[in-house]
């Protein structure tokens, strides 16, 4: 059965829109005819689909899945990376701006791509953020990726904040499609536009990032009374700090907050949050196991990726994936405290950047903070800190340094503090 017909059978009313956006709506009935733009795509083609969660993008995405293509979602905001993605992903076709351009007549052979072609399965290709090197081309079997949505779940009116090239954004879309939900495409991904969209469309669920939640907190625009429909905020894709979570939870006392956990390699996993304003979680769900080894979180998941196109497999012989997330444990509960590949070694003492950033964010007037290690002739490394002040804030480096001296041990105190913009990528997470 095609994906389209499967979704129609699951739908309570195929004529009811599952997507609302600026000047458009889309229902399954609207998609009775496949996208004509995909007519030149052959089964097994790697198709770079440049788009968004709008009517055209979703229509093309579902049509490509039913044509058994290997879909590489890309967004305009990341155009500087497109050339790299097309080459690393062995793209056969590019679909953008309503046009289809074939890059090569013969499909490139690769064991992972050929496996999908031989099985007659559609594929999904995503790219890692590249924070620790060149982005990795991550290949999923689309049939296995969709299997996680077969179990019925509650579906609310959800703002589609996460992007088209992000596994969290795809998770939102397919969760809504499989469970008769409604996705609202944001007018813009700015604080004022997001808040207005929530009010206008009675949005119940906002999936977002810690970086954007900090922007909300410092905007001064959050008002529980003005957001009566909002029931749940989920956050993930990067580490959350306790100060931001406590602040936003206090500003929205009737809203539940839940941490999500997932990686492009593993998918979005089911998570249980201990309390709405705490960072302790449990990770599990169907076909998912977790363990902690030497303070690092390992995951084994049935619906994992097939592998990387341009890097060795990260799975061990038993199928475990080392996430490199450092965790603390409290019985069955986990709390992520940093990344193993970001630890700063100062004279033999380990410093987690997140510890320094959290301390900085607890200082009034700091909107974003980024800590890193730098070479030091005496201690091997020292800590440096970049802080972005809130709008209109007069941030004193001397006062901030005194604050950090009170809350951080000597080896974790930044030797150098700068004030300026903290770089944020197109997915609204720090880079």
Protein backbone atom coordinates (compact mmCIF):
# COMPACT_ATOMS: atom_id res chain seq x y z
CA UNK A 1 0.00 0.00 0.00
CA UNK A 2 1.26 3.49 -0.82
CA UNK A 3 2.00 5.94 1.97
CA UNK A 4 -0.72 8.24 0.65
CA UNK A 5 -3.43 5.55 0.73
CA UNK A 6 -2.28 4.38 4.17
CA UNK A 7 -2.67 7.92 5.52
CA UNK A 8 -6.11 8.25 3.89
CA UNK A 9 -7.27 5.05 5.59
CA UNK A 10 -6.05 6.32 8.96
CA UNK A 11 -7.62 9.75 8.50
CA UNK A 12 -10.92 10.53 10.20
CA UNK A 13 -11.70 12.90 7.32
CA UNK A 14 -9.28 13.23 4.37
CA UNK A 15 -10.96 16.53 3.48
CA UNK A 16 -9.96 18.12 6.78
CA UNK A 17 -6.73 20.15 6.47
CA UNK A 18 -3.67 18.74 8.24
CA UNK A 19 -1.63 21.84 7.35
CA UNK A 20 -2.39 25.53 7.80
CA UNK A 21 0.07 28.20 6.75
CA UNK A 22 0.29 31.74 5.52
CA UNK A 23 -2.30 31.90 2.74
CA UNK A 24 -2.65 28.13 2.31
CA UNK A 25 -4.06 24.89 3.66
CA UNK A 26 -3.57 21.27 2.65
CA UNK A 27 -5.63 18.12 3.16
CA UNK A 28 -5.08 14.56 2.05
CA UNK A 29 -7.98 14.99 -0.38
CA UNK A 30 -6.04 17.86 -1.97
CA UNK A 31 -3.24 15.39 -2.67
CA UNK A 32 -5.31 12.85 -4.59
CA UNK A 33 -3.16 13.60 -7.61
CA UNK A 34 0.57 13.06 -7.16
CA UNK A 35 2.91 15.99 -7.67
CA UNK A 36 3.57 16.42 -11.41
CA UNK A 37 6.99 17.82 -10.53
CA UNK A 38 8.13 14.32 -9.52
CA UNK A 39 7.29 12.76 -12.89
CA UNK A 40 10.94 12.61 -13.95
CA UNK A 41 12.10 10.79 -10.81
CA UNK A 42 12.99 7.10 -11.08
CA UNK A 43 12.87 4.59 -8.21
CA UNK A 44 16.16 4.68 -6.31
CA UNK A 45 17.06 8.22 -7.40
CA UNK A 46 18.66 10.36 -4.70
CA UNK A 47 16.52 13.50 -4.81
CA UNK A 48 17.61 16.72 -3.13
CA UNK A 49 14.28 18.34 -2.24
CA UNK A 50 14.76 22.02 -1.36
CA UNK A 51 11.68 23.24 0.44
CA UNK A 52 9.74 23.71 3.62
CA UNK A 53 6.69 22.28 5.36
CA UNK A 54 4.40 24.09 2.94
CA UNK A 55 1.85 22.57 0.56
CA UNK A 56 4.34 22.12 -2.29
CA UNK A 57 7.08 20.69 -0.06
CA UNK A 58 4.82 18.16 1.66
CA UNK A 59 3.13 17.10 -1.59
CA UNK A 60 6.54 16.49 -3.19
CA UNK A 61 7.87 14.67 -0.12
CA UNK A 62 4.98 12.19 0.05
CA UNK A 63 5.01 11.64 -3.71
CA UNK A 64 8.76 10.91 -3.66
CA UNK A 65 8.29 8.37 -0.88
CA UNK A 66 5.66 6.58 -2.93
CA UNK A 67 7.96 6.66 -5.99
CA UNK A 68 10.61 4.86 -3.85
CA UNK A 69 13.10 7.70 -4.16
CA UNK A 70 15.84 8.43 -1.61
CA UNK A 71 14.87 11.87 -0.33
CA UNK A 72 17.42 14.45 0.81
CA UNK A 73 15.46 17.35 2.40
CA UNK A 74 17.28 20.70 2.23
CA UNK A 75 16.29 24.26 3.14
CA UNK A 76 17.10 27.64 1.61
CA UNK A 77 18.55 28.87 4.90
CA UNK A 78 21.40 26.38 4.52
CA UNK A 79 22.14 27.02 0.83
CA UNK A 80 25.87 27.47 1.52
CA UNK A 81 26.03 23.75 2.35
CA UNK A 82 24.01 22.51 -0.63
CA UNK A 83 26.96 21.85 -2.92
CA UNK A 84 28.62 19.73 -0.24
CA UNK A 85 25.38 17.83 0.43
CA UNK A 86 24.75 17.12 -3.25
CA UNK A 87 28.25 15.74 -3.71
CA UNK A 88 28.40 13.75 -0.46
CA UNK A 89 24.91 12.36 -0.95
CA UNK A 90 25.45 11.36 -4.61
CA UNK A 91 22.36 13.35 -5.65
CA UNK A 92 20.81 12.36 -8.97
CA UNK A 93 18.10 15.05 -9.04
CA UNK A 94 17.51 18.47 -7.49
CA UNK A 95 13.97 19.76 -6.97
CA UNK A 96 13.78 23.46 -6.12
CA UNK A 97 11.66 26.49 -7.03
CA UNK A 98 9.13 24.33 -8.86
CA UNK A 99 11.75 22.83 -11.17
CA UNK A 100 13.44 19.45 -11.50
CA UNK A 101 17.06 19.28 -12.64
CA UNK A 102 18.79 15.95 -13.26
CA UNK A 103 22.46 16.04 -12.27
CA UNK A 104 23.47 12.61 -13.56
CA UNK A 105 21.90 9.98 -15.77
CA UNK A 106 23.31 6.96 -13.95
CA UNK A 107 22.72 6.37 -10.25
CA UNK A 108 25.90 6.17 -8.17
CA UNK A 109 26.55 2.74 -6.68
CA UNK A 110 26.97 2.61 -2.90
CA UNK A 111 26.19 -0.36 -0.60
CA UNK A 112 23.64 1.59 1.46
CA UNK A 113 21.88 3.12 -1.53
CA UNK A 114 21.94 -0.15 -3.46
CA UNK A 115 20.42 -1.94 -0.47
CA UNK A 116 17.39 0.36 -0.58
CA UNK A 117 17.11 0.01 -4.35
CA UNK A 118 17.25 -3.78 -4.24
CA UNK A 119 14.57 -3.90 -1.53
CA UNK A 120 12.38 -1.43 -3.41
CA UNK A 121 12.26 0.87 -0.39
CA UNK A 122 12.24 4.64 -0.22
CA UNK A 123 15.11 6.25 1.68
CA UNK A 124 15.73 9.33 3.77
CA UNK A 125 19.05 11.15 3.81
CA UNK A 126 19.85 13.72 6.50
CA UNK A 127 23.06 15.53 7.39
CA UNK A 128 24.63 15.96 10.80
CA UNK A 129 25.32 19.49 11.99
CA UNK A 130 29.05 19.13 11.33
CA UNK A 131 29.95 20.59 14.73
CA UNK A 132 32.82 18.10 15.09
CA UNK A 133 33.91 18.02 11.44
CA UNK A 134 32.36 17.69 8.01
CA UNK A 135 28.62 16.89 8.08
CA UNK A 136 27.91 13.17 7.80
CA UNK A 137 25.38 11.86 5.26
CA UNK A 138 22.93 9.76 7.31
CA UNK A 139 20.82 7.19 5.45
CA UNK A 140 17.54 5.76 6.76
CA UNK A 141 15.18 3.21 5.29
CA UNK A 142 12.00 5.33 5.01
CA UNK A 143 9.79 2.27 5.58
CA UNK A 144 11.48 1.61 8.94
CA UNK A 145 11.48 5.32 9.76
CA UNK A 146 7.70 5.46 9.32
CA UNK A 147 7.11 2.28 11.35
CA UNK A 148 7.51 4.25 14.60
CA UNK A 149 4.31 6.20 13.82
CA UNK A 150 2.08 3.12 13.41
CA UNK A 151 1.08 3.13 17.10
CA UNK A 152 -1.72 5.70 17.61
CA UNK A 153 -0.77 8.64 19.81
CA UNK A 154 -2.52 11.86 20.86
CA UNK A 155 -2.14 14.63 18.31
CA UNK A 156 -2.60 18.31 19.05
CA UNK A 157 -2.58 21.46 16.99
CA UNK A 158 1.18 21.91 16.64
CA UNK A 159 3.36 24.75 15.42
CA UNK A 160 5.81 23.42 12.83
CA UNK A 161 8.80 25.29 14.22
CA UNK A 162 11.52 22.72 13.49
CA UNK A 163 12.81 22.72 9.93
CA UNK A 164 12.31 20.58 6.83
CA UNK A 165 15.88 19.23 6.94
CA UNK A 166 15.70 18.31 10.65
CA UNK A 167 14.63 14.91 11.95
CA UNK A 168 12.57 16.66 14.62
CA UNK A 169 10.62 18.56 11.96
CA UNK A 170 9.94 15.37 10.01
CA UNK A 171 8.90 13.66 13.23
CA UNK A 172 6.35 16.43 13.88
CA UNK A 173 4.90 16.19 10.37
CA UNK A 174 4.47 12.41 10.28
CA UNK A 175 3.18 12.24 13.85
CA UNK A 176 0.42 14.67 12.86
CA UNK A 177 -0.33 12.86 9.58
CA UNK A 178 -0.62 9.45 11.24
CA UNK A 179 -2.73 10.73 14.15
CA UNK A 180 -5.16 13.18 12.55
CA UNK A 181 -3.38 16.23 13.90
CA UNK A 182 -2.89 19.73 12.54
CA UNK A 183 0.42 21.41 11.74
CA UNK A 184 0.55 25.19 11.63
CA UNK A 185 3.38 26.51 9.48
CA UNK A 186 4.82 29.61 11.18
CA UNK A 187 4.55 32.96 9.45
CA UNK A 188 8.18 33.48 10.46
CA UNK A 189 10.50 31.95 13.04
CA UNK A 190 10.73 35.07 15.17
CA UNK A 191 9.47 35.59 18.71
CA UNK A 192 6.65 37.96 17.77
CA UNK A 193 5.50 35.88 14.77
CA UNK A 194 5.53 32.60 16.71
CA UNK A 195 3.50 34.08 19.57
CA UNK A 196 1.00 35.59 17.14
CA UNK A 197 0.64 32.27 15.28
CA UNK A 198 -0.01 30.46 18.58
CA UNK A 199 -2.77 32.94 19.41
CA UNK A 200 -4.34 33.03 15.95
CA UNK A 201 -4.50 29.27 15.42
CA UNK A 202 -5.06 28.10 19.03
CA UNK A 203 -1.80 26.14 18.95
CA UNK A 204 -1.53 23.59 21.75
CA UNK A 205 2.00 22.25 21.22
CA UNK A 206 5.21 24.16 20.52
CA UNK A 207 8.26 21.99 19.69
CA UNK A 208 11.35 24.19 19.81
CA UNK A 209 14.95 24.59 20.98
CA UNK A 210 16.56 25.92 24.19
CA UNK A 211 18.06 28.78 22.17
CA UNK A 212 14.61 29.93 21.02
CA UNK A 213 13.21 29.55 24.55
CA UNK A 214 15.93 31.89 25.78
CA UNK A 215 14.86 34.36 23.11
CA UNK A 216 11.27 34.07 24.38
CA UNK A 217 12.30 34.61 27.99
CA UNK A 218 14.35 37.73 27.21
CA UNK A 219 11.76 39.20 24.82
CA UNK A 220 9.47 40.30 27.63
CA UNK A 221 6.52 39.19 25.48
CA UNK A 222 5.61 35.93 27.22
CA UNK A 223 2.19 36.16 28.85
CA UNK A 224 0.25 33.10 29.95
CA UNK A 225 -3.05 34.97 29.72
CA UNK A 226 -2.38 35.80 26.07
CA UNK A 227 -1.64 32.13 25.20
CA UNK A 228 -4.67 30.29 26.59
CA UNK A 229 -4.48 27.42 24.08
CA UNK A 230 -0.83 26.46 24.72
CA UNK A 231 -0.60 23.24 26.73
CA UNK A 232 2.83 21.77 26.02
CA UNK A 233 6.31 22.95 25.05
CA UNK A 234 8.88 20.35 24.02
CA UNK A 235 12.55 21.23 23.71
CA UNK A 236 15.57 19.43 22.33
CA UNK A 237 18.32 19.43 19.65
CA UNK A 238 20.81 20.99 22.12
CA UNK A 239 21.42 21.03 25.85
CA UNK A 240 19.03 22.99 28.04
CA UNK A 241 20.25 24.95 31.06
CA UNK A 242 18.33 24.95 34.32
CA UNK A 243 18.07 28.74 34.51
CA UNK A 244 16.24 29.02 31.18
CA UNK A 245 13.92 26.11 31.98
CA UNK A 246 13.04 27.54 35.40
CA UNK A 247 12.43 31.00 33.93
CA UNK A 248 10.13 29.90 31.12
CA UNK A 249 8.29 27.45 33.39
CA UNK A 250 7.60 30.29 35.83
CA UNK A 251 6.39 32.58 33.03
CA UNK A 252 4.01 29.90 31.72
CA UNK A 253 2.78 28.16 34.89
CA UNK A 254 -0.10 26.27 33.19
CA UNK A 255 2.06 24.87 30.39
CA UNK A 256 3.80 21.51 30.63
CA UNK A 257 7.47 21.30 29.58
CA UNK A 258 9.04 18.10 28.31
CA UNK A 259 12.52 17.43 27.12
CA UNK A 260 12.89 15.45 23.89
CA UNK A 261 15.83 13.30 22.94
CA UNK A 262 16.88 12.14 19.53
CA UNK A 263 19.64 12.13 16.96
CA UNK A 264 19.54 11.94 13.19
CA UNK A 265 21.24 8.56 13.48
CA UNK A 266 18.60 7.12 15.85
CA UNK A 267 15.41 9.10 15.29
CA UNK A 268 13.35 10.87 17.96
CA UNK A 269 13.06 8.58 21.00
CA UNK A 270 10.30 8.45 23.58
CA UNK A 271 11.23 10.37 26.72
CA UNK A 272 9.65 10.67 30.15
CA UNK A 273 10.38 13.89 32.07
CA UNK A 274 10.44 13.68 35.87
CA UNK A 275 9.07 17.18 36.48
CA UNK A 276 8.14 20.01 34.14
CA UNK A 277 10.90 22.27 35.50
CA UNK A 278 13.59 19.58 35.90
CA UNK A 279 16.15 18.17 33.48
CA UNK A 280 15.93 14.54 34.66
CA UNK A 281 14.58 12.15 32.02
CA UNK A 282 14.11 8.49 31.13
CA UNK A 283 14.70 7.33 27.55
CA UNK A 284 12.94 4.31 26.10
CA UNK A 285 10.01 3.27 23.95
CA UNK A 286 9.39 0.36 21.61
CA UNK A 287 12.62 -1.20 20.41
CA UNK A 288 14.87 1.22 22.33
CA UNK A 289 17.43 0.38 25.03
CA UNK A 290 19.78 2.70 26.90
CA UNK A 291 22.78 2.23 29.17
CA UNK A 292 25.53 4.36 30.70
CA UNK A 293 29.18 3.39 30.27
CA UNK A 294 31.95 5.52 31.84
CA UNK A 295 29.47 8.37 32.23
CA UNK A 296 28.48 8.33 28.54
CA UNK A 297 25.02 7.48 27.22
CA UNK A 298 24.72 4.55 24.80
CA UNK A 299 21.54 3.79 22.82
CA UNK A 300 20.43 0.72 20.90
CA UNK A 301 17.39 1.29 18.66
CA UNK A 302 15.65 -0.95 16.17
CA UNK A 303 14.70 1.91 13.84
CA UNK A 304 18.20 3.34 13.60
CA UNK A 305 19.86 4.58 10.44
CA UNK A 306 21.39 2.17 7.94
CA UNK A 307 24.70 4.02 8.21
CA UNK A 308 26.77 6.94 6.96
CA UNK A 309 27.55 7.38 3.28
CA UNK A 310 30.80 9.20 3.99
CA UNK A 311 32.03 7.84 7.33
CA UNK A 312 32.53 4.48 9.10
CA UNK A 313 29.63 2.93 11.00
CA UNK A 314 29.38 4.24 14.60
CA UNK A 315 27.63 1.09 15.90
CA UNK A 316 29.49 -1.60 17.78
CA UNK A 317 29.08 -5.31 17.05
CA UNK A 318 26.03 -5.51 19.33
CA UNK A 319 24.36 -2.49 17.73
CA UNK A 320 25.05 0.06 20.49
CA UNK A 321 25.61 3.71 19.55
CA UNK A 322 27.74 5.91 21.82
CA UNK A 323 25.95 9.26 21.78
CA UNK A 324 28.94 10.99 23.45
CA UNK A 325 26.48 12.67 25.81
CA UNK A 326 27.80 12.83 29.35
CA UNK A 327 25.13 12.03 31.92
CA UNK A 328 24.54 11.92 35.64
CA UNK A 329 22.19 9.29 37.05
CA UNK A 330 19.65 9.23 39.87
CA UNK A 331 18.28 5.71 39.96
CA UNK A 332 16.51 5.22 36.61
CA UNK A 333 16.72 8.92 35.75
CA UNK A 334 19.35 10.60 33.56
CA UNK A 335 20.48 14.20 33.28
CA UNK A 336 22.64 15.31 30.36
CA UNK A 337 25.51 17.46 31.59
CA UNK A 338 27.67 17.89 28.48
CA UNK A 339 29.43 16.31 25.54
CA UNK A 340 32.45 14.02 25.86
CA UNK A 341 34.02 15.63 22.79
CA UNK A 342 33.69 19.16 24.27
CA UNK A 343 35.41 18.63 27.62
CA UNK A 344 38.06 21.29 28.39
CA UNK A 345 41.12 19.97 30.25
CA UNK A 346 42.56 22.73 32.46
CA UNK A 347 45.71 21.55 34.19
CA UNK A 348 44.35 18.01 34.40
CA UNK A 349 40.94 19.13 35.70
CA UNK A 350 37.90 18.66 33.45
CA UNK A 351 35.54 21.53 32.68
CA UNK A 352 32.22 21.10 30.89
CA UNK A 353 31.36 24.10 28.68
CA UNK A 354 27.70 23.69 29.67
CA UNK A 355 28.64 24.26 33.32
CA UNK A 356 30.26 27.60 32.48
CA UNK A 357 27.44 28.61 30.11
CA UNK A 358 24.78 27.80 32.70
CA UNK A 359 26.59 29.95 35.26
CA UNK A 360 26.76 32.83 32.78
CA UNK A 361 23.09 32.51 31.86
CA UNK A 362 22.13 32.85 35.52
CA UNK A 363 23.60 36.39 35.48
CA UNK A 364 21.00 39.11 34.76
CA UNK A 365 21.19 40.46 31.23
CA UNK A 366 22.92 37.47 29.56
CA UNK A 367 20.76 36.13 26.72
CA UNK A 368 23.14 33.55 25.18
CA UNK A 369 26.51 32.17 26.28
CA UNK A 370 29.14 30.03 24.58
CA UNK A 371 32.18 28.59 26.37
CA UNK A 372 35.15 26.95 24.68
CA UNK A 373 38.68 25.86 25.41
CA UNK A 374 41.79 27.65 24.19
CA UNK A 375 45.46 26.67 24.29
CA UNK A 376 47.42 27.77 27.35
CA UNK A 377 51.22 27.36 27.78
CA UNK A 378 50.91 26.66 31.51
CA UNK A 379 47.72 24.63 31.97
CA UNK A 380 47.38 23.13 28.49
CA UNK A 381 44.01 24.81 28.05
CA UNK A 382 41.92 27.54 29.63
CA UNK A 383 38.27 28.56 29.36
CA UNK A 384 37.05 31.43 27.21
CA UNK A 385 33.50 32.76 27.24
CA UNK A 386 31.40 34.70 24.73
CA UNK A 387 28.21 36.31 26.08
CA UNK A 388 25.40 37.93 24.13
CA UNK A 389 23.49 40.48 26.19
CA UNK A 390 19.73 40.77 26.20
CA UNK A 391 18.34 43.60 24.13
CA UNK A 392 18.88 46.90 25.95
CA UNK A 393 21.02 45.31 28.68
CA UNK A 394 24.26 47.02 29.75
CA UNK A 395 26.40 43.99 30.49
CA UNK A 396 29.40 44.63 32.74
CA UNK A 397 32.23 42.16 32.18
CA UNK A 398 33.71 42.96 35.60
CA UNK A 399 30.39 42.24 37.35
CA UNK A 400 29.94 39.07 35.32
CA UNK A 401 33.46 37.94 36.20
CA UNK A 402 32.76 38.48 39.92
CA UNK A 403 29.56 36.43 39.60
CA UNK A 404 31.36 33.57 37.87
CA UNK A 405 34.06 33.67 40.53
CA UNK A 406 31.39 33.05 43.16
CA UNK A 407 29.67 30.12 41.44
CA UNK A 408 32.47 28.31 39.55
CA UNK A 409 35.57 26.51 40.85
CA UNK A 410 38.87 28.27 40.02
CA UNK A 411 39.84 26.02 37.09
CA UNK A 412 36.43 26.59 35.38
CA UNK A 413 36.50 30.39 35.57
CA UNK A 414 36.97 31.98 32.12
CA UNK A 415 40.35 33.58 31.57
CA UNK A 416 38.86 35.69 28.79
CA UNK A 417 35.29 37.03 28.51
CA UNK A 418 33.96 38.75 25.42
CA UNK A 419 30.60 40.39 24.75
CA UNK A 420 29.04 39.93 21.32
CA UNK A 421 26.60 37.87 19.25
CA UNK A 422 26.65 34.12 19.90
CA UNK A 423 26.44 32.33 16.52
CA UNK A 424 23.17 30.47 15.98
CA UNK A 425 22.57 28.15 13.04
CA UNK A 426 19.53 27.92 10.79
CA UNK A 427 18.05 25.26 13.09
CA UNK A 428 17.96 27.69 16.05
CA UNK A 429 20.74 26.02 17.98
CA UNK A 430 24.20 27.28 18.85
CA UNK A 431 27.02 26.47 16.45
